[in-house]
Amino acid sequence: MDNDRITAAGQVFRMAMYHPNHPDKDYKMTNLIVVFDAPRAIAWKPGTESPETGELSFGGWIWRYDLEATGPSRTTVTLTYDWSAVPAQVREHIGFPPFGQDHLDNSLRHLSGLVA
């Protein structure tokens, strides 16, 4: 959804999402970059944006990619999906973790396909 290049922590980007357990199936996420250390790491907090006020709110989980050059044309990527800061009532409502290991593996495969 957003086409602006990410250059620093503090930036916001939006993306269209789909999850079969989401009430609307298709939905939008507004994400806040919390770590940007090119070309080594990027992390963001997924959230939502109020259509009325534009106010951002976050559930407490963080997606992070850490990259390490392991050869002349090879990079090892570590994906961390940290939901340790998610309040108990949100965990109960959403059912954490909402994404299983296969989803995380697919995320890494998709990333690999984008850069190949």
PDB file of N, CA and C in Angstrom:
ATOM      1  N   MET A   1       0.815  -1.197   0.000  1.00  0.00           N
ATOM      2  CA  MET A   1       0.000   0.000   0.000  1.00  0.00           C
ATOM      3  C   MET A   1       0.857   1.258   0.000  1.00  0.00           C
ATOM      4  N   ASP A   2       1.904   1.291   0.833  1.00  0.00           N
ATOM      5  CA  ASP A   2       2.798   2.440   0.856  1.00  0.00           C
ATOM      6  C   ASP A   2       3.990   2.138  -0.042  1.00  0.00           C
ATOM      7  N   ASN A   3       4.402   3.121  -0.827  1.00  0.00           N
ATOM      8  CA  ASN A   3       5.532   2.921  -1.737  1.00  0.00           C
ATOM      9  C   ASN A   3       6.771   3.695  -1.325  1.00  0.00           C
ATOM     10  N   ASP A   4       6.686   4.493  -0.251  1.00  0.00           N
ATOM     11  CA  ASP A   4       7.841   5.266   0.184  1.00  0.00           C
ATOM     12  C   ASP A   4       8.923   4.331   0.714  1.00  0.00           C
ATOM     13  N   ARG A   5      10.160   4.659   0.428  1.00  0.00           N
ATOM     14  CA  ARG A   5      11.304   3.868   0.894  1.00  0.00           C
ATOM     15  C   ARG A   5      11.499   4.096   2.394  1.00  0.00           C
ATOM     16  N   ILE A   6      11.726   3.029   3.122  1.00  0.00           N
ATOM     17  CA  ILE A   6      11.991   3.138   4.554  1.00  0.00           C
ATOM     18  C   ILE A   6      13.455   3.526   4.729  1.00  0.00           C
ATOM     19  N   THR A   7      13.685   4.566   5.543  1.00  0.00           N
ATOM     20  CA  THR A   7      15.043   5.069   5.740  1.00  0.00           C
ATOM     21  C   THR A   7      15.428   5.217   7.203  1.00  0.00           C
ATOM     22  N   ALA A   8      14.452   5.114   8.135  1.00  0.00           N
ATOM     23  CA  ALA A   8      14.782   5.359   9.539  1.00  0.00           C
ATOM     24  C   ALA A   8      13.705   4.807  10.468  1.00  0.00           C
ATOM     25  N   ALA A   9      14.116   4.522  11.695  1.00  0.00           N
ATOM     26  CA  ALA A   9      13.154   4.190  12.743  1.00  0.00           C
ATOM     27  C   ALA A   9      12.232   5.387  12.939  1.00  0.00           C
ATOM     28  N   GLY A  10      11.000   5.109  13.305  1.00  0.00           N
ATOM     29  CA  GLY A  10      10.011   6.169  13.497  1.00  0.00           C
ATOM     30  C   GLY A  10       9.080   6.339  12.319  1.00  0.00           C
ATOM     31  N   GLN A  11       9.460   5.816  11.149  1.00  0.00           N
ATOM     32  CA  GLN A  11       8.587   5.897   9.983  1.00  0.00           C
ATOM     33  C   GLN A  11       7.413   4.930  10.136  1.00  0.00           C
ATOM     34  N   VAL A  12       6.345   5.222   9.429  1.00  0.00           N
ATOM     35  CA  VAL A  12       5.147   4.386   9.418  1.00  0.00           C
ATOM     36  C   VAL A  12       4.937   3.885   8.005  1.00  0.00           C
ATOM     37  N   PHE A  13       4.579   2.609   7.880  1.00  0.00           N
ATOM     38  CA  PHE A  13       4.169   2.084   6.581  1.00  0.00           C
ATOM     39  C   PHE A  13       2.893   1.277   6.755  1.00  0.00           C
ATOM     40  N   ARG A  14       2.116   1.221   5.707  1.00  0.00           N
ATOM     41  CA  ARG A  14       0.829   0.523   5.724  1.00  0.00           C
ATOM     42  C   ARG A  14       0.856  -0.603   4.707  1.00  0.00           C
ATOM     43  N   MET A  15       0.093  -1.662   5.000  1.00  0.00           N
ATOM     44  CA  MET A  15       0.018  -2.771   4.047  1.00  0.00           C
ATOM     45  C   MET A  15      -1.317  -3.480   4.164  1.00  0.00           C
ATOM     46  N   ALA A  16      -1.755  -4.012   3.036  1.00  0.00           N
ATOM     47  CA  ALA A  16      -2.973  -4.816   2.985  1.00  0.00           C
ATOM     48  C   ALA A  16      -2.632  -6.218   3.467  1.00  0.00           C
ATOM     49  N   MET A  17      -3.543  -6.809   4.231  1.00  0.00           N
ATOM     50  CA  MET A  17      -3.315  -8.128   4.825  1.00  0.00           C
ATOM     51  C   MET A  17      -4.530  -9.021   4.592  1.00  0.00           C
ATOM     52  N   TYR A  18      -4.309 -10.320   4.786  1.00  0.00           N
ATOM     53  CA  TYR A  18      -5.394 -11.297   4.767  1.00  0.00           C
ATOM     54  C   TYR A  18      -5.099 -12.356   5.822  1.00  0.00           C
ATOM     55  N   HIS A  19      -6.105 -12.688   6.612  1.00  0.00           N
ATOM     56  CA  HIS A  19      -5.995 -13.803   7.559  1.00  0.00           C
ATOM     57  C   HIS A  19      -7.380 -14.441   7.658  1.00  0.00           C
ATOM     58  N   PRO A  20      -7.467 -15.764   7.504  1.00  0.00           N
ATOM     59  CA  PRO A  20      -8.776 -16.414   7.502  1.00  0.00           C
ATOM     60  C   PRO A  20      -9.530 -16.256   8.818  1.00  0.00           C
ATOM     61  N   ASN A  21      -8.836 -16.000   9.934  1.00  0.00           N
ATOM     62  CA  ASN A  21      -9.504 -15.846  11.225  1.00  0.00           C
ATOM     63  C   ASN A  21      -9.845 -14.398  11.558  1.00  0.00           C
ATOM     64  N   HIS A  22      -9.458 -13.461  10.693  1.00  0.00           N
ATOM     65  CA  HIS A  22      -9.799 -12.062  10.923  1.00  0.00           C
ATOM     66  C   HIS A  22     -11.274 -11.875  10.573  1.00  0.00           C
ATOM     67  N   PRO A  23     -12.014 -11.082  11.360  1.00  0.00           N
ATOM     68  CA  PRO A  23     -13.453 -10.903  11.067  1.00  0.00           C
ATOM     69  C   PRO A  23     -13.747 -10.417   9.652  1.00  0.00           C
ATOM     70  N   ASP A  24     -12.856  -9.582   9.101  1.00  0.00           N
ATOM     71  CA  ASP A  24     -13.067  -9.056   7.751  1.00  0.00           C
ATOM     72  C   ASP A  24     -12.286  -9.830   6.691  1.00  0.00           C
ATOM     73  N   LYS A  25     -11.487 -10.798   7.101  1.00  0.00           N
ATOM     74  CA  LYS A  25     -10.579 -11.555   6.212  1.00  0.00           C
ATOM     75  C   LYS A  25      -9.504 -10.632   5.629  1.00  0.00           C
ATOM     76  N   ASP A  26      -9.900  -9.663   4.796  1.00  0.00           N
ATOM     77  CA  ASP A  26      -8.975  -8.663   4.257  1.00  0.00           C
ATOM     78  C   ASP A  26      -9.004  -7.454   5.185  1.00  0.00           C
ATOM     79  N   TYR A  27      -7.828  -6.960   5.532  1.00  0.00           N
ATOM     80  CA  TYR A  27      -7.741  -5.826   6.446  1.00  0.00           C
ATOM     81  C   TYR A  27      -6.445  -5.070   6.184  1.00  0.00           C
ATOM     82  N   LYS A  28      -6.272  -3.934   6.836  1.00  0.00           N
ATOM     83  CA  LYS A  28      -5.083  -3.111   6.662  1.00  0.00           C
ATOM     84  C   LYS A  28      -4.349  -2.990   7.987  1.00  0.00           C
ATOM     85  N   MET A  29      -3.020  -3.000   7.910  1.00  0.00           N
ATOM     86  CA  MET A  29      -2.169  -2.800   9.076  1.00  0.00           C
ATOM     87  C   MET A  29      -1.361  -1.520   8.873  1.00  0.00           C
ATOM     88  N   THR A  30      -1.159  -0.805   9.962  1.00  0.00           N
ATOM     89  CA  THR A  30      -0.298   0.367   9.983  1.00  0.00           C
ATOM     90  C   THR A  30       0.853   0.019  10.907  1.00  0.00           C
ATOM     91  N   ASN A  31       2.061   0.109  10.417  1.00  0.00           N
ATOM     92  CA  ASN A  31       3.232  -0.404  11.119  1.00  0.00           C
ATOM     93  C   ASN A  31       4.228   0.707  11.417  1.00  0.00           C
ATOM     94  N   LEU A  32       4.794   0.672  12.617  1.00  0.00           N
ATOM     95  CA  LEU A  32       5.782   1.646  13.045  1.00  0.00           C
ATOM     96  C   LEU A  32       7.154   0.987  13.060  1.00  0.00           C
ATOM     97  N   ILE A  33       8.100   1.546  12.308  1.00  0.00           N
ATOM     98  CA  ILE A  33       9.468   1.038  12.296  1.00  0.00           C
ATOM     99  C   ILE A  33      10.114   1.379  13.645  1.00  0.00           C
ATOM    100  N   VAL A  34      10.608   0.347  14.353  1.00  0.00           N
ATOM    101  CA  VAL A  34      11.250   0.562  15.654  1.00  0.00           C
ATOM    102  C   VAL A  34      12.760   0.329  15.593  1.00  0.00           C
ATOM    103  N   VAL A  35      13.235  -0.417  14.586  1.00  0.00           N
ATOM    104  CA  VAL A  35      14.665  -0.627  14.359  1.00  0.00           C
ATOM    105  C   VAL A  35      14.905  -0.518  12.863  1.00  0.00           C
ATOM    106  N   PHE A  36      15.868   0.296  12.479  1.00  0.00           N
ATOM    107  CA  PHE A  36      16.292   0.339  11.087  1.00  0.00           C
ATOM    108  C   PHE A  36      17.799   0.536  11.073  1.00  0.00           C
ATOM    109  N   ASP A  37      18.504  -0.542  10.805  1.00  0.00           N
ATOM    110  CA  ASP A  37      19.958  -0.547  10.796  1.00  0.00           C
ATOM    111  C   ASP A  37      20.391  -1.216   9.488  1.00  0.00           C
ATOM    112  N   ALA A  38      20.212  -0.478   8.385  1.00  0.00           N
ATOM    113  CA  ALA A  38      20.530  -1.043   7.062  1.00  0.00           C
ATOM    114  C   ALA A  38      22.014  -1.311   6.955  1.00  0.00           C
ATOM    115  N   PRO A  39      22.422  -2.396   6.424  1.00  0.00           N
ATOM    116  CA  PRO A  39      21.641  -3.518   5.895  1.00  0.00           C
ATOM    117  C   PRO A  39      21.526  -4.678   6.881  1.00  0.00           C
ATOM    118  N   ARG A  40      21.596  -4.400   8.192  1.00  0.00           N
ATOM    119  CA  ARG A  40      21.646  -5.477   9.173  1.00  0.00           C
ATOM    120  C   ARG A  40      20.322  -5.837   9.831  1.00  0.00           C
ATOM    121  N   ALA A  41      19.424  -4.885  10.054  1.00  0.00           N
ATOM    122  CA  ALA A  41      18.211  -5.203  10.810  1.00  0.00           C
ATOM    123  C   ALA A  41      17.086  -4.236  10.492  1.00  0.00           C
ATOM    124  N   ILE A  42      15.868  -4.774  10.558  1.00  0.00           N
ATOM    125  CA  ILE A  42      14.659  -3.958  10.488  1.00  0.00           C
ATOM    126  C   ILE A  42      13.619  -4.630  11.380  1.00  0.00           C
ATOM    127  N   ALA A  43      12.900  -3.807  12.147  1.00  0.00           N
ATOM    128  CA  ALA A  43      11.837  -4.326  13.006  1.00  0.00           C
ATOM    129  C   ALA A  43      10.691  -3.320  13.023  1.00  0.00           C
ATOM    130  N   TRP A  44       9.485  -3.839  13.174  1.00  0.00           N
ATOM    131  CA  TRP A  44       8.321  -2.962  13.203  1.00  0.00           C
ATOM    132  C   TRP A  44       7.249  -3.513  14.128  1.00  0.00           C
ATOM    133  N   LYS A  45       6.442  -2.570  14.654  1.00  0.00           N
ATOM    134  CA  LYS A  45       5.297  -2.898  15.481  1.00  0.00           C
ATOM    135  C   LYS A  45       4.050  -2.778  14.609  1.00  0.00           C
ATOM    136  N   PRO A  46       3.348  -3.873  14.366  1.00  0.00           N
ATOM    137  CA  PRO A  46       2.092  -3.791  13.631  1.00  0.00           C
ATOM    138  C   PRO A  46       1.009  -3.131  14.490  1.00  0.00           C
ATOM    139  N   GLY A  47       0.182  -2.357  13.836  1.00  0.00           N
ATOM    140  CA  GLY A  47      -0.903  -1.701  14.550  1.00  0.00           C
ATOM    141  C   GLY A  47      -2.042  -1.349  13.626  1.00  0.00           C
ATOM    142  N   THR A  48      -2.912  -0.534  14.157  1.00  0.00           N
ATOM    143  CA  THR A  48      -4.067  -0.066  13.385  1.00  0.00           C
ATOM    144  C   THR A  48      -4.111   1.458  13.468  1.00  0.00           C
ATOM    145  N   GLU A  49      -4.850   2.020  12.538  1.00  0.00           N
ATOM    146  CA  GLU A  49      -5.002   3.476  12.463  1.00  0.00           C
ATOM    147  C   GLU A  49      -6.476   3.796  12.515  1.00  0.00           C
ATOM    148  N   SER A  50      -6.862   4.677  13.421  1.00  0.00           N
ATOM    149  CA  SER A  50      -8.259   5.084  13.521  1.00  0.00           C
ATOM    150  C   SER A  50      -8.657   5.862  12.280  1.00  0.00           C
ATOM    151  N   PRO A  51      -9.718   5.429  11.565  1.00  0.00           N
ATOM    152  CA  PRO A  51     -10.144   6.185  10.381  1.00  0.00           C
ATOM    153  C   PRO A  51     -10.666   7.575  10.737  1.00  0.00           C
ATOM    154  N   GLU A  52     -11.162   7.734  11.963  1.00  0.00           N
ATOM    155  CA  GLU A  52     -11.711   9.024  12.377  1.00  0.00           C
ATOM    156  C   GLU A  52     -10.620  10.011  12.784  1.00  0.00           C
ATOM    157  N   THR A  53      -9.629   9.553  13.557  1.00  0.00           N
ATOM    158  CA  THR A  53      -8.648  10.479  14.125  1.00  0.00           C
ATOM    159  C   THR A  53      -7.240  10.314  13.549  1.00  0.00           C
ATOM    160  N   GLY A  54      -6.974   9.174  12.902  1.00  0.00           N
ATOM    161  CA  GLY A  54      -5.632   8.893  12.419  1.00  0.00           C
ATOM    162  C   GLY A  54      -4.701   8.404  13.511  1.00  0.00           C
ATOM    163  N   GLU A  55      -5.225   8.260  14.738  1.00  0.00           N
ATOM    164  CA  GLU A  55      -4.407   7.805  15.861  1.00  0.00           C
ATOM    165  C   GLU A  55      -3.977   6.353  15.649  1.00  0.00           C
ATOM    166  N   LEU A  56      -2.710   6.073  15.958  1.00  0.00           N
ATOM    167  CA  LEU A  56      -2.169   4.729  15.824  1.00  0.00           C
ATOM    168  C   LEU A  56      -2.240   4.008  17.152  1.00  0.00           C
ATOM    169  N   SER A  57      -2.542   2.695  17.091  1.00  0.00           N
ATOM    170  CA  SER A  57      -2.502   1.862  18.294  1.00  0.00           C
ATOM    171  C   SER A  57      -1.834   0.545  17.927  1.00  0.00           C
ATOM    172  N   PHE A  58      -1.130  -0.014  18.911  1.00  0.00           N
ATOM    173  CA  PHE A  58      -0.327  -1.206  18.665  1.00  0.00           C
ATOM    174  C   PHE A  58      -0.671  -2.276  19.690  1.00  0.00           C
ATOM    175  N   GLY A  59      -0.590  -3.543  19.266  1.00  0.00           N
ATOM    176  CA  GLY A  59      -0.974  -4.654  20.117  1.00  0.00           C
ATOM    177  C   GLY A  59       0.130  -5.182  21.000  1.00  0.00           C
ATOM    178  N   GLY A  60       1.376  -4.807  20.735  1.00  0.00           N
ATOM    179  CA  GLY A  60       2.473  -5.236  21.579  1.00  0.00           C
ATOM    180  C   GLY A  60       3.413  -6.240  20.929  1.00  0.00           C
ATOM    181  N   TRP A  61       3.144  -6.669  19.702  1.00  0.00           N
ATOM    182  CA  TRP A  61       4.049  -7.625  19.061  1.00  0.00           C
ATOM    183  C   TRP A  61       4.958  -6.920  18.068  1.00  0.00           C
ATOM    184  N   ILE A  62       6.090  -7.570  17.783  1.00  0.00           N
ATOM    185  CA  ILE A  62       7.111  -6.990  16.905  1.00  0.00           C
ATOM    186  C   ILE A  62       7.598  -8.052  15.928  1.00  0.00           C
ATOM    187  N   TRP A  63       7.698  -7.675  14.667  1.00  0.00           N
ATOM    188  CA  TRP A  63       8.346  -8.483  13.623  1.00  0.00           C
ATOM    189  C   TRP A  63       9.742  -7.919  13.429  1.00  0.00           C
ATOM    190  N   ARG A  64      10.730  -8.795  13.319  1.00  0.00           N
ATOM    191  CA  ARG A  64      12.109  -8.326  13.129  1.00  0.00           C
ATOM    192  C   ARG A  64      12.849  -9.278  12.198  1.00  0.00           C
ATOM    193  N   TYR A  65      13.609  -8.688  11.274  1.00  0.00           N
ATOM    194  CA  TYR A  65      14.534  -9.428  10.421  1.00  0.00           C
ATOM    195  C   TYR A  65      15.949  -8.962  10.748  1.00  0.00           C
ATOM    196  N   ASP A  66      16.815  -9.909  11.079  1.00  0.00           N
ATOM    197  CA  ASP A  66      18.243  -9.640  11.251  1.00  0.00           C
ATOM    198  C   ASP A  66      18.968 -10.324  10.104  1.00  0.00           C
ATOM    199  N   LEU A  67      19.863  -9.594   9.447  1.00  0.00           N
ATOM    200  CA  LEU A  67      20.586 -10.114   8.284  1.00  0.00           C
ATOM    201  C   LEU A  67      22.080 -10.146   8.570  1.00  0.00           C
ATOM    202  N   GLU A  68      22.706 -11.245   8.175  1.00  0.00           N
ATOM    203  CA  GLU A  68      24.149 -11.390   8.363  1.00  0.00           C
ATOM    204  C   GLU A  68      24.768 -11.923   7.077  1.00  0.00           C
ATOM    205  N   ALA A  69      25.707 -11.173   6.532  1.00  0.00           N
ATOM    206  CA  ALA A  69      26.422 -11.633   5.342  1.00  0.00           C
ATOM    207  C   ALA A  69      27.234 -12.862   5.722  1.00  0.00           C
ATOM    208  N   THR A  70      27.013 -13.963   4.982  1.00  0.00           N
ATOM    209  CA  THR A  70      27.709 -15.216   5.293  1.00  0.00           C
ATOM    210  C   THR A  70      28.523 -15.712   4.110  1.00  0.00           C
ATOM    211  N   GLY A  71      28.728 -14.861   3.149  1.00  0.00           N
ATOM    212  CA  GLY A  71      29.514 -15.194   1.968  1.00  0.00           C
ATOM    213  C   GLY A  71      29.430 -14.060   0.984  1.00  0.00           C
ATOM    214  N   PRO A  72      30.144 -14.183  -0.142  1.00  0.00           N
ATOM    215  CA  PRO A  72      30.152 -13.079  -1.115  1.00  0.00           C
ATOM    216  C   PRO A  72      28.768 -12.766  -1.685  1.00  0.00           C
ATOM    217  N   SER A  73      27.919 -13.740  -1.826  1.00  0.00           N
ATOM    218  CA  SER A  73      26.568 -13.483  -2.345  1.00  0.00           C
ATOM    219  C   SER A  73      25.545 -14.263  -1.530  1.00  0.00           C
ATOM    220  N   ARG A  74      25.789 -14.349  -0.240  1.00  0.00           N
ATOM    221  CA  ARG A  74      24.913 -15.124   0.631  1.00  0.00           C
ATOM    222  C   ARG A  74      24.639 -14.339   1.918  1.00  0.00           C
ATOM    223  N   THR A  75      23.377 -14.357   2.352  1.00  0.00           N
ATOM    224  CA  THR A  75      22.966 -13.687   3.583  1.00  0.00           C
ATOM    225  C   THR A  75      22.083 -14.637   4.383  1.00  0.00           C
ATOM    226  N   THR A  76      22.361 -14.730   5.678  1.00  0.00           N
ATOM    227  CA  THR A  76      21.501 -15.492   6.574  1.00  0.00           C
ATOM    228  C   THR A  76      20.529 -14.516   7.213  1.00  0.00           C
ATOM    229  N   VAL A  77      19.235 -14.864   7.171  1.00  0.00           N
ATOM    230  CA  VAL A  77      18.194 -14.014   7.725  1.00  0.00           C
ATOM    231  C   VAL A  77      17.550 -14.734   8.903  1.00  0.00           C
ATOM    232  N   THR A  78      17.448 -14.023  10.011  1.00  0.00           N
ATOM    233  CA  THR A  78      16.755 -14.538  11.185  1.00  0.00           C
ATOM    234  C   THR A  78      15.487 -13.721  11.372  1.00  0.00           C
ATOM    235  N   LEU A  79      14.354 -14.405  11.419  1.00  0.00           N
ATOM    236  CA  LEU A  79      13.061 -13.762  11.639  1.00  0.00           C
ATOM    237  C   LEU A  79      12.666 -13.970  13.089  1.00  0.00           C
ATOM    238  N   THR A  80      12.378 -12.874  13.781  1.00  0.00           N
ATOM    239  CA  THR A  80      11.880 -12.945  15.148  1.00  0.00           C
ATOM    240  C   THR A  80      10.481 -12.351  15.164  1.00  0.00           C
ATOM    241  N   TYR A  81       9.552 -13.093  15.739  1.00  0.00           N
ATOM    242  CA  TYR A  81       8.173 -12.630  15.900  1.00  0.00           C
ATOM    243  C   TYR A  81       7.912 -12.658  17.395  1.00  0.00           C
ATOM    244  N   ASP A  82       8.071 -11.507  18.049  1.00  0.00           N
ATOM    245  CA  ASP A  82       8.042 -11.409  19.506  1.00  0.00           C
ATOM    246  C   ASP A  82       6.696 -10.876  19.975  1.00  0.00           C
ATOM    247  N   TRP A  83       5.965 -11.693  20.703  1.00  0.00           N
ATOM    248  CA  TRP A  83       4.683 -11.246  21.231  1.00  0.00           C
ATOM    249  C   TRP A  83       4.706 -11.193  22.758  1.00  0.00           C
ATOM    250  N   SER A  84       5.911 -11.121  23.350  1.00  0.00           N
ATOM    251  CA  SER A  84       6.038 -11.135  24.806  1.00  0.00           C
ATOM    252  C   SER A  84       5.410  -9.915  25.487  1.00  0.00           C
ATOM    253  N   ALA A  85       5.251  -8.802  24.786  1.00  0.00           N
ATOM    254  CA  ALA A  85       4.667  -7.594  25.388  1.00  0.00           C
ATOM    255  C   ALA A  85       3.161  -7.489  25.162  1.00  0.00           C
ATOM    256  N   VAL A  86       2.543  -8.521  24.583  1.00  0.00           N
ATOM    257  CA  VAL A  86       1.102  -8.481  24.310  1.00  0.00           C
ATOM    258  C   VAL A  86       0.341  -8.724  25.615  1.00  0.00           C
ATOM    259  N   PRO A  87      -0.572  -7.822  25.980  1.00  0.00           N
ATOM    260  CA  PRO A  87      -1.346  -8.010  27.205  1.00  0.00           C
ATOM    261  C   PRO A  87      -2.188  -9.298  27.157  1.00  0.00           C
ATOM    262  N   ALA A  88      -2.431  -9.876  28.320  1.00  0.00           N
ATOM    263  CA  ALA A  88      -3.156 -11.151  28.423  1.00  0.00           C
ATOM    264  C   ALA A  88      -4.525 -11.091  27.752  1.00  0.00           C
ATOM    265  N   GLN A  89      -5.267  -9.999  27.920  1.00  0.00           N
ATOM    266  CA  GLN A  89      -6.610  -9.922  27.332  1.00  0.00           C
ATOM    267  C   GLN A  89      -6.556  -9.930  25.804  1.00  0.00           C
ATOM    268  N   VAL A  90      -5.502  -9.344  25.230  1.00  0.00           N
ATOM    269  CA  VAL A  90      -5.340  -9.366  23.774  1.00  0.00           C
ATOM    270  C   VAL A  90      -4.968 -10.774  23.320  1.00  0.00           C
ATOM    271  N   ARG A  91      -4.076 -11.432  24.056  1.00  0.00           N
ATOM    272  CA  ARG A  91      -3.693 -12.814  23.729  1.00  0.00           C
ATOM    273  C   ARG A  91      -4.913 -13.724  23.713  1.00  0.00           C
ATOM    274  N   GLU A  92      -5.794 -13.555  24.696  1.00  0.00           N
ATOM    275  CA  GLU A  92      -7.002 -14.379  24.776  1.00  0.00           C
ATOM    276  C   GLU A  92      -7.951 -14.080  23.616  1.00  0.00           C
ATOM    277  N   HIS A  93      -8.091 -12.814  23.276  1.00  0.00           N
ATOM    278  CA  HIS A  93      -9.016 -12.411  22.206  1.00  0.00           C
ATOM    279  C   HIS A  93      -8.528 -12.876  20.836  1.00  0.00           C
ATOM    280  N   ILE A  94      -7.255 -12.668  20.568  1.00  0.00           N
ATOM    281  CA  ILE A  94      -6.705 -13.005  19.252  1.00  0.00           C
ATOM    282  C   ILE A  94      -6.287 -14.466  19.185  1.00  0.00           C
ATOM    283  N   GLY A  95      -5.817 -15.020  20.283  1.00  0.00           N
ATOM    284  CA  GLY A  95      -5.311 -16.381  20.269  1.00  0.00           C
ATOM    285  C   GLY A  95      -3.877 -16.409  19.790  1.00  0.00           C
ATOM    286  N   PHE A  96      -2.953 -16.071  20.656  1.00  0.00           N
ATOM    287  CA  PHE A  96      -1.543 -16.001  20.291  1.00  0.00           C
ATOM    288  C   PHE A  96      -0.869 -17.339  20.432  1.00  0.00           C
ATOM    289  N   PRO A  97       0.082 -17.597  19.563  1.00  0.00           N
ATOM    290  CA  PRO A  97       0.452 -16.774  18.406  1.00  0.00           C
ATOM    291  C   PRO A  97      -0.541 -16.986  17.268  1.00  0.00           C
ATOM    292  N   PRO A  98      -0.914 -15.917  16.573  1.00  0.00           N
ATOM    293  CA  PRO A  98      -1.884 -16.059  15.490  1.00  0.00           C
ATOM    294  C   PRO A  98      -1.291 -16.703  14.238  1.00  0.00           C
ATOM    295  N   PHE A  99       0.031 -16.746  14.166  1.00  0.00           N
ATOM    296  CA  PHE A  99       0.710 -17.337  13.012  1.00  0.00           C
ATOM    297  C   PHE A  99       1.554 -18.497  13.487  1.00  0.00           C
ATOM    298  N   GLY A 100       1.408 -19.630  12.835  1.00  0.00           N
ATOM    299  CA  GLY A 100       2.196 -20.803  13.178  1.00  0.00           C
ATOM    300  C   GLY A 100       3.566 -20.782  12.518  1.00  0.00           C
ATOM    301  N   GLN A 101       4.359 -21.782  12.835  1.00  0.00           N
ATOM    302  CA  GLN A 101       5.717 -21.894  12.299  1.00  0.00           C
ATOM    303  C   GLN A 101       5.720 -21.901  10.778  1.00  0.00           C
ATOM    304  N   ASP A 102       4.715 -22.543  10.162  1.00  0.00           N
ATOM    305  CA  ASP A 102       4.674 -22.599   8.698  1.00  0.00           C
ATOM    306  C   ASP A 102       4.534 -21.204   8.095  1.00  0.00           C
ATOM    307  N   HIS A 103       3.800 -20.332   8.759  1.00  0.00           N
ATOM    308  CA  HIS A 103       3.643 -18.960   8.267  1.00  0.00           C
ATOM    309  C   HIS A 103       4.983 -18.223   8.318  1.00  0.00           C
ATOM    310  N   LEU A 104       5.725 -18.420   9.403  1.00  0.00           N
ATOM    311  CA  LEU A 104       7.029 -17.768   9.538  1.00  0.00           C
ATOM    312  C   LEU A 104       8.003 -18.308   8.496  1.00  0.00           C
ATOM    313  N   ASP A 105       7.982 -19.625   8.280  1.00  0.00           N
ATOM    314  CA  ASP A 105       8.832 -20.226   7.244  1.00  0.00           C
ATOM    315  C   ASP A 105       8.477 -19.675   5.865  1.00  0.00           C
ATOM    316  N   ASN A 106       7.176 -19.526   5.591  1.00  0.00           N
ATOM    317  CA  ASN A 106       6.739 -18.971   4.301  1.00  0.00           C
ATOM    318  C   ASN A 106       7.196 -17.527   4.140  1.00  0.00           C
ATOM    319  N   SER A 107       7.216 -16.781   5.227  1.00  0.00           N
ATOM    320  CA  SER A 107       7.677 -15.395   5.177  1.00  0.00           C
ATOM    321  C   SER A 107       9.136 -15.344   4.733  1.00  0.00           C
ATOM    322  N   LEU A 108       9.956 -16.228   5.287  1.00  0.00           N
ATOM    323  CA  LEU A 108      11.369 -16.265   4.903  1.00  0.00           C
ATOM    324  C   LEU A 108      11.540 -16.733   3.460  1.00  0.00           C
ATOM    325  N   ARG A 109      10.743 -17.708   3.032  1.00  0.00           N
ATOM    326  CA  ARG A 109      10.805 -18.164   1.636  1.00  0.00           C
ATOM    327  C   ARG A 109      10.400 -17.037   0.672  1.00  0.00           C
ATOM    328  N   HIS A 110       9.370 -16.312   1.046  1.00  0.00           N
ATOM    329  CA  HIS A 110       8.908 -15.205   0.204  1.00  0.00           C
ATOM    330  C   HIS A 110       9.994 -14.130   0.107  1.00  0.00           C
ATOM    331  N   LEU A 111      10.601 -13.797   1.237  1.00  0.00           N
ATOM    332  CA  LEU A 111      11.690 -12.824   1.220  1.00  0.00           C
ATOM    333  C   LEU A 111      12.829 -13.289   0.326  1.00  0.00           C
ATOM    334  N   SER A 112      13.181 -14.559   0.437  1.00  0.00           N
ATOM    335  CA  SER A 112      14.254 -15.117  -0.403  1.00  0.00           C
ATOM    336  C   SER A 112      13.890 -15.009  -1.882  1.00  0.00           C
ATOM    337  N   GLY A 113      12.630 -15.290  -2.209  1.00  0.00           N
ATOM    338  CA  GLY A 113      12.193 -15.191  -3.605  1.00  0.00           C
ATOM    339  C   GLY A 113      12.230 -13.775  -4.129  1.00  0.00           C
ATOM    340  N   LEU A 114      11.963 -12.800  -3.271  1.00  0.00           N
ATOM    341  CA  LEU A 114      11.992 -11.406  -3.709  1.00  0.00           C
ATOM    342  C   LEU A 114      13.386 -10.926  -4.054  1.00  0.00           C
ATOM    343  N   VAL A 115      14.388 -11.450  -3.356  1.00  0.00           N
ATOM    344  CA  VAL A 115      15.743 -10.977  -3.593  1.00  0.00           C
ATOM    345  C   VAL A 115      16.521 -11.864  -4.578  1.00  0.00           C
ATOM    346  N   ALA A 116      15.970 -13.023  -4.909  1.00  0.00           N
ATOM    347  CA  ALA A 116      16.676 -13.946  -5.835  1.00  0.00           C
ATOM    348  C   ALA A 116      16.576 -13.465  -7.266  1.00  0.00           C
TER     349      ALA A 116
END
